[in-house]
Amino acid sequence: MPLAATDGSDANELGRQLARAGYLASDELALVAWLALKLERPLLVEGPAGVGKTDLARALSEALSRELVRLQCYEGLDEARALYEWDYAKQMLYTQLLRESVSSQTAGAATLTEAADRLAGADTAFFSRRFLIERPLLRALSSEAPVVMLVDEIDRADPEFEAFLLEVLAERQATIPELGTIRARSAPLFLLTSNGTRDMSDALRRRCLHAFVDYPPPSREQAILELRVPGLAKRLAEQLTAFVRDVRALDLQKAPSIAETIDWARSLVLLGAGALDESLARSTLGVLLKYEEDRVKVGPTLTKATRPL
């Protein structure tokens, strides 16, 4: 039975909305995404690279009619790139423009201390929102309308950044020393993705709902191809999904992602293929596989997949 929501929607309806946005989510993934939305909890989505974790955020944004705000994580990411930084060039420009006003305020001051006391309130003017450069996290918190806030590949960021993120995720707020605590104007849907290059802390996991997204079974991947690749023949879709399943079972440097399978299917359709032809498939394998060693390894599998029944 579908789970009822106060606004009349449910997990099944969210799954249908995601499908209309071009994303075929499993029932479990649609349910946990719906729960994250209704409970206003962050969602941590883990799984191998290329299974559609980032695209889930795009689809949720479209399905919910929300703006998508993205923060791409990397080693060395800090608050200045994720939350805010001060526009020092603009502050200096204002200082030059207001130089005469500053001079008049300090005129007649007997000591440097007296001059500084007269300007004691001026620093608040130069550390105000007009000089603040909003980075993705602050933009999500400041938005009047709720957004989908994607924190992509959180496992690439340093543990220190992960610790900084805890306040934002748990309280939907951030502290800026010069301005105080800024609380979210609406409730962003936080979606964090991880490829598993390092384990997330227990503190982060405790604040999030969790989903694991793996490569889909051939039936769902075929449905994804048919949804995302107009004009794809059913026979070709069946062959591609069966072939890619066998390829992912090999010991490759990089297993093909769903996005790469879609690109390969589009390429074959563009070239007029209605079924998997060995010569054409072999000449276009660079769309699916990105290492020469991998293309050599899948040669026998390709020959088998294109062998007449």
Protein backbone atom coordinates (compact mmCIF):
# COMPACT_ATOMS: atom_id res chain seq x y z
CA MET A 1 0.00 0.00 0.00
CA PRO A 2 1.27 3.50 -0.73
CA LEU A 3 2.19 5.63 2.23
CA ALA A 4 -0.11 8.60 2.65
CA ALA A 5 1.38 12.07 2.99
CA THR A 6 -0.21 15.20 4.35
CA ASP A 7 -0.19 16.83 0.94
CA GLY A 8 -1.77 13.79 -0.76
CA SER A 9 1.43 12.53 -2.43
CA ASP A 10 3.21 9.29 -1.56
CA ALA A 11 6.36 7.34 -2.33
CA ASN A 12 4.78 5.69 -5.35
CA GLU A 13 3.79 9.06 -6.77
CA LEU A 14 7.31 10.38 -6.23
CA GLY A 15 8.60 7.36 -8.18
CA ARG A 16 6.23 8.23 -11.03
CA GLN A 17 7.36 11.86 -10.94
CA LEU A 18 10.98 10.74 -11.10
CA ALA A 19 10.13 8.52 -14.10
CA ARG A 20 8.57 11.51 -15.85
CA ALA A 21 11.83 13.32 -15.19
CA GLY A 22 13.69 10.48 -16.92
CA TYR A 23 14.86 8.63 -13.81
CA LEU A 24 13.68 5.07 -13.09
CA ALA A 25 14.18 4.62 -9.37
CA SER A 26 13.70 1.33 -7.56
CA ASP A 27 10.79 1.20 -5.12
CA GLU A 28 13.25 1.27 -2.21
CA LEU A 29 15.07 4.34 -3.51
CA ALA A 30 11.84 6.21 -4.23
CA LEU A 31 10.63 5.39 -0.71
CA VAL A 32 13.75 6.59 1.10
CA ALA A 33 13.85 9.76 -1.03
CA TRP A 34 10.21 10.42 -0.13
CA LEU A 35 10.95 9.84 3.55
CA ALA A 36 13.90 12.25 3.41
CA LEU A 37 11.60 14.83 1.88
CA LYS A 38 8.79 14.37 4.41
CA LEU A 39 11.03 14.04 7.47
CA GLU A 40 13.23 16.93 6.26
CA ARG A 41 16.32 14.79 6.74
CA PRO A 42 19.46 14.69 4.58
CA LEU A 43 19.84 11.66 2.30
CA LEU A 44 23.23 9.98 1.87
CA VAL A 45 23.34 7.97 -1.36
CA GLU A 46 26.27 5.58 -1.76
CA GLY A 47 27.26 3.26 -4.57
CA PRO A 48 29.79 2.76 -7.37
CA ALA A 49 30.52 5.58 -9.77
CA GLY A 50 28.13 5.95 -12.66
CA VAL A 51 24.98 4.38 -11.23
CA GLY A 52 22.90 7.56 -11.26
CA LYS A 53 23.45 9.06 -7.80
CA THR A 54 24.06 12.58 -9.08
CA ASP A 55 21.27 12.25 -11.63
CA LEU A 56 18.88 11.46 -8.80
CA ALA A 57 19.37 15.00 -7.52
CA ARG A 58 18.67 16.38 -10.97
CA ALA A 59 15.52 14.28 -11.27
CA LEU A 60 14.31 15.25 -7.78
CA SER A 61 14.82 18.90 -8.66
CA GLU A 62 12.70 18.49 -11.77
CA ALA A 63 10.06 16.29 -10.13
CA LEU A 64 9.62 18.65 -7.18
CA SER A 65 9.96 21.85 -9.24
CA ARG A 66 12.84 22.98 -7.05
CA GLU A 67 16.07 24.70 -7.98
CA LEU A 68 19.10 22.40 -7.93
CA VAL A 69 22.09 23.83 -6.07
CA ARG A 70 25.27 21.78 -6.44
CA LEU A 71 28.45 21.66 -4.42
CA GLN A 72 31.15 19.52 -6.04
CA CYS A 73 33.48 18.21 -3.34
CA TYR A 74 37.24 17.80 -3.70
CA GLU A 75 40.31 17.53 -1.50
CA GLY A 76 41.01 20.84 0.22
CA LEU A 77 37.43 22.16 -0.03
CA ASP A 78 36.78 24.64 2.79
CA GLU A 79 34.14 27.06 4.06
CA ALA A 80 35.23 29.81 1.70
CA ARG A 81 34.29 27.67 -1.29
CA ALA A 82 31.31 25.87 0.22
CA LEU A 83 29.57 28.45 2.42
CA TYR A 84 30.74 32.04 1.95
CA GLU A 85 33.63 34.42 1.59
CA TRP A 86 34.02 38.17 1.88
CA ASP A 87 34.31 40.32 -1.22
CA TYR A 88 37.49 42.08 -0.19
CA ALA A 89 37.83 43.93 -3.49
CA LYS A 90 34.39 45.46 -3.01
CA GLN A 91 35.22 46.35 0.59
CA MET A 92 38.38 48.13 -0.55
CA LEU A 93 36.44 50.01 -3.21
CA TYR A 94 33.92 51.21 -0.63
CA THR A 95 36.78 52.22 1.65
CA GLN A 96 38.19 54.44 -1.10
CA LEU A 97 34.78 55.94 -1.86
CA LEU A 98 34.14 56.69 1.81
CA ARG A 99 37.63 57.95 2.56
CA GLU A 100 36.46 61.56 3.07
CA SER A 101 33.74 60.44 5.47
CA VAL A 102 36.26 58.44 7.49
CA SER A 103 38.61 61.43 7.59
CA SER A 104 35.89 63.72 8.91
CA GLN A 105 34.97 61.21 11.62
CA THR A 106 38.54 60.96 12.85
CA ALA A 107 39.42 64.65 12.48
CA GLY A 108 40.79 66.08 15.70
CA ALA A 109 41.43 62.73 17.34
CA ALA A 110 44.41 63.09 19.65
CA THR A 111 45.49 59.46 19.51
CA LEU A 112 45.14 56.41 17.32
CA THR A 113 43.04 54.78 20.02
CA GLU A 114 40.61 57.71 20.02
CA ALA A 115 40.33 57.54 16.21
CA ALA A 116 39.68 53.81 16.37
CA ASP A 117 37.00 54.33 19.02
CA ARG A 118 35.21 56.81 16.79
CA LEU A 119 35.16 54.20 14.00
CA ALA A 120 34.17 51.33 16.28
CA GLY A 121 30.83 50.81 14.57
CA ALA A 122 32.16 51.07 11.03
CA ASP A 123 33.40 47.48 10.88
CA THR A 124 29.83 46.18 11.05
CA ALA A 125 29.05 48.15 7.91
CA PHE A 126 31.92 46.49 6.05
CA PHE A 127 31.04 43.00 7.29
CA SER A 128 27.41 42.92 6.21
CA ARG A 129 25.44 40.86 3.68
CA ARG A 130 26.21 43.37 0.90
CA PHE A 131 29.85 42.26 0.97
CA LEU A 132 29.12 38.56 1.36
CA ILE A 133 29.67 36.19 -1.58
CA GLU A 134 27.24 33.30 -1.22
CA ARG A 135 28.62 29.88 -2.01
CA PRO A 136 26.31 26.87 -2.60
CA LEU A 137 25.51 25.97 1.02
CA LEU A 138 24.65 29.53 2.02
CA ARG A 139 22.66 29.97 -1.18
CA ALA A 140 20.57 26.93 -0.24
CA LEU A 141 20.01 28.22 3.30
CA SER A 142 19.14 31.72 2.08
CA SER A 143 16.67 30.66 -0.60
CA GLU A 144 13.07 31.70 0.07
CA ALA A 145 11.84 28.62 -1.83
CA PRO A 146 13.10 25.15 -0.82
CA VAL A 147 15.86 23.78 -3.06
CA VAL A 148 17.51 20.44 -3.71
CA MET A 149 21.02 20.85 -2.30
CA LEU A 150 23.41 18.33 -3.86
CA VAL A 151 26.68 17.73 -2.01
CA ASP A 152 28.36 15.62 -4.67
CA GLU A 153 31.12 13.11 -3.90
CA ILE A 154 31.39 14.03 -0.22
CA ASP A 155 33.96 11.23 0.14
CA ARG A 156 36.44 13.33 -1.86
CA ALA A 157 36.39 16.12 0.73
CA ASP A 158 38.59 16.10 3.83
CA PRO A 159 37.24 14.81 7.17
CA GLU A 160 37.52 18.39 8.49
CA PHE A 161 35.02 19.58 5.91
CA GLU A 162 32.74 16.69 6.75
CA ALA A 163 32.81 17.82 10.40
CA PHE A 164 32.00 21.40 9.38
CA LEU A 165 29.02 20.14 7.41
CA LEU A 166 27.38 18.57 10.46
CA GLU A 167 25.87 21.84 11.72
CA VAL A 168 24.38 22.58 8.32
CA LEU A 169 22.84 19.12 8.00
CA ALA A 170 21.59 18.73 11.56
CA GLU A 171 20.31 22.24 12.27
CA ARG A 172 19.88 23.67 8.75
CA GLN A 173 21.97 26.62 9.82
CA ALA A 174 25.51 27.96 9.55
CA THR A 175 27.54 30.27 11.75
CA ILE A 176 29.38 33.24 10.23
CA PRO A 177 31.53 34.85 12.96
CA GLU A 178 30.94 38.43 11.77
CA LEU A 179 27.18 38.02 11.30
CA GLY A 180 26.11 35.29 13.70
CA THR A 181 23.97 32.25 12.94
CA ILE A 182 22.10 32.13 9.65
CA ARG A 183 19.15 29.76 9.66
CA ALA A 184 17.46 28.31 6.60
CA ARG A 185 14.50 30.31 5.33
CA SER A 186 13.01 27.10 3.95
CA ALA A 187 13.87 23.41 4.29
CA PRO A 188 16.38 22.33 1.63
CA LEU A 189 16.43 18.69 0.61
CA PHE A 190 20.07 17.76 1.18
CA LEU A 191 21.32 14.90 -0.98
CA LEU A 192 24.89 13.71 -0.42
CA THR A 193 26.57 11.25 -2.76
CA SER A 194 29.58 9.04 -2.11
CA ASN A 195 31.52 6.65 -4.35
CA GLY A 196 33.06 4.96 -1.32
CA THR A 197 36.64 6.18 -1.76
CA ARG A 198 36.66 6.63 2.03
CA ASP A 199 34.15 5.78 4.71
CA MET A 200 31.86 8.47 6.09
CA SER A 201 31.95 9.20 9.83
CA ASP A 202 29.31 7.83 12.17
CA ALA A 203 28.35 11.42 13.01
CA LEU A 204 27.48 12.14 9.39
CA ARG A 205 25.64 8.85 8.90
CA ARG A 206 23.62 9.47 12.06
CA ARG A 207 22.26 12.71 10.62
CA CYS A 208 21.23 11.19 7.28
CA LEU A 209 18.87 8.66 5.86
CA HIS A 210 20.79 6.16 3.74
CA ALA A 211 20.40 4.55 0.35
CA PHE A 212 22.72 2.31 -1.61
CA VAL A 213 22.42 2.45 -5.40
CA ASP A 214 24.05 -0.35 -7.38
CA TYR A 215 24.06 -1.17 -11.09
CA PRO A 216 20.47 -2.01 -12.01
CA PRO A 217 19.39 -5.49 -13.11
CA PRO A 218 19.24 -5.91 -16.92
CA SER A 219 15.45 -5.49 -17.00
CA ARG A 220 15.61 -2.06 -15.35
CA GLU A 221 18.65 -0.98 -17.35
CA GLN A 222 16.81 -1.94 -20.52
CA ALA A 223 13.84 0.16 -19.37
CA ILE A 224 16.23 3.06 -18.69
CA LEU A 225 17.69 2.76 -22.20
CA GLU A 226 14.25 2.67 -23.79
CA LEU A 227 13.24 5.74 -21.78
CA ARG A 228 16.37 7.77 -22.47
CA VAL A 229 17.20 6.74 -26.04
CA PRO A 230 14.41 7.53 -28.54
CA GLY A 231 14.29 5.18 -31.51
CA LEU A 232 16.18 2.37 -29.78
CA ALA A 233 15.06 -1.02 -31.14
CA LYS A 234 13.93 -3.48 -28.49
CA ARG A 235 16.29 -6.16 -29.83
CA LEU A 236 19.26 -3.80 -29.58
CA ALA A 237 18.26 -2.73 -26.06
CA GLU A 238 18.13 -6.37 -24.95
CA GLN A 239 21.54 -7.11 -26.46
CA LEU A 240 23.16 -4.02 -24.96
CA THR A 241 21.94 -4.67 -21.44
CA ALA A 242 22.96 -8.34 -21.56
CA PHE A 243 26.39 -7.42 -22.95
CA VAL A 244 26.99 -4.67 -20.38
CA ARG A 245 25.99 -7.04 -17.57
CA ASP A 246 28.65 -9.51 -18.71
CA VAL A 247 31.23 -6.74 -19.17
CA ARG A 248 30.75 -5.47 -15.60
CA ALA A 249 31.51 -8.96 -14.33
CA LEU A 250 35.01 -8.74 -15.83
CA ASP A 251 38.05 -7.40 -14.00
CA LEU A 252 38.22 -3.98 -15.69
CA GLN A 253 39.97 -0.75 -14.81
CA LYS A 254 36.63 1.02 -15.16
CA ALA A 255 33.29 -0.71 -15.44
CA PRO A 256 30.87 1.06 -17.79
CA SER A 257 28.41 3.37 -16.06
CA ILE A 258 24.74 3.68 -16.91
CA ALA A 259 25.47 7.04 -18.53
CA GLU A 260 28.08 5.41 -20.77
CA THR A 261 25.64 2.66 -21.73
CA ILE A 262 23.13 5.35 -22.70
CA ASP A 263 25.77 7.17 -24.77
CA TRP A 264 26.70 3.93 -26.54
CA ALA A 265 23.06 3.16 -27.30
CA ARG A 266 22.58 6.69 -28.68
CA SER A 267 25.67 6.28 -30.84
CA LEU A 268 24.48 2.98 -32.29
CA VAL A 269 21.01 4.40 -33.01
CA LEU A 270 22.63 7.40 -34.67
CA LEU A 271 24.57 4.98 -36.89
CA GLY A 272 21.36 3.16 -37.84
CA ALA A 273 21.91 -0.04 -35.87
CA GLY A 274 18.89 -2.18 -35.06
CA ALA A 275 20.87 -5.00 -33.49
CA LEU A 276 24.34 -5.44 -32.05
CA ASP A 277 26.70 -5.90 -34.99
CA GLU A 278 30.23 -6.96 -34.00
CA SER A 279 32.08 -4.75 -36.46
CA LEU A 280 30.07 -1.63 -35.65
CA ALA A 281 30.06 -2.35 -31.93
CA ARG A 282 33.82 -2.93 -31.84
CA SER A 283 34.51 0.33 -33.68
CA THR A 284 32.39 2.30 -31.18
CA LEU A 285 33.55 0.61 -27.96
CA GLY A 286 35.42 3.79 -27.04
CA VAL A 287 32.07 5.31 -26.15
CA LEU A 288 31.46 2.59 -23.55
CA LEU A 289 34.97 1.71 -22.35
CA LYS A 290 37.67 4.28 -21.61
CA TYR A 291 40.80 2.10 -21.38
CA GLU A 292 42.42 0.20 -24.24
CA GLU A 293 43.20 -2.72 -21.92
CA ASP A 294 39.49 -2.98 -21.11
CA ARG A 295 38.53 -3.00 -24.79
CA VAL A 296 40.95 -5.88 -25.37
CA LYS A 297 39.49 -7.82 -22.43
CA VAL A 298 35.90 -7.52 -23.63
CA GLY A 299 36.70 -8.68 -27.16
CA PRO A 300 35.66 -12.32 -26.59
CA THR A 301 32.52 -11.19 -24.77
CA LEU A 302 31.57 -8.98 -27.70
CA THR A 303 32.10 -11.82 -30.18
CA LYS A 304 29.86 -14.05 -28.08
CA ALA A 305 27.16 -11.36 -27.73
CA THR A 306 26.94 -10.75 -31.46
CA ARG A 307 27.10 -14.41 -32.54
CA PRO A 308 23.98 -15.41 -34.48
CA LEU A 309 21.58 -17.60 -32.53
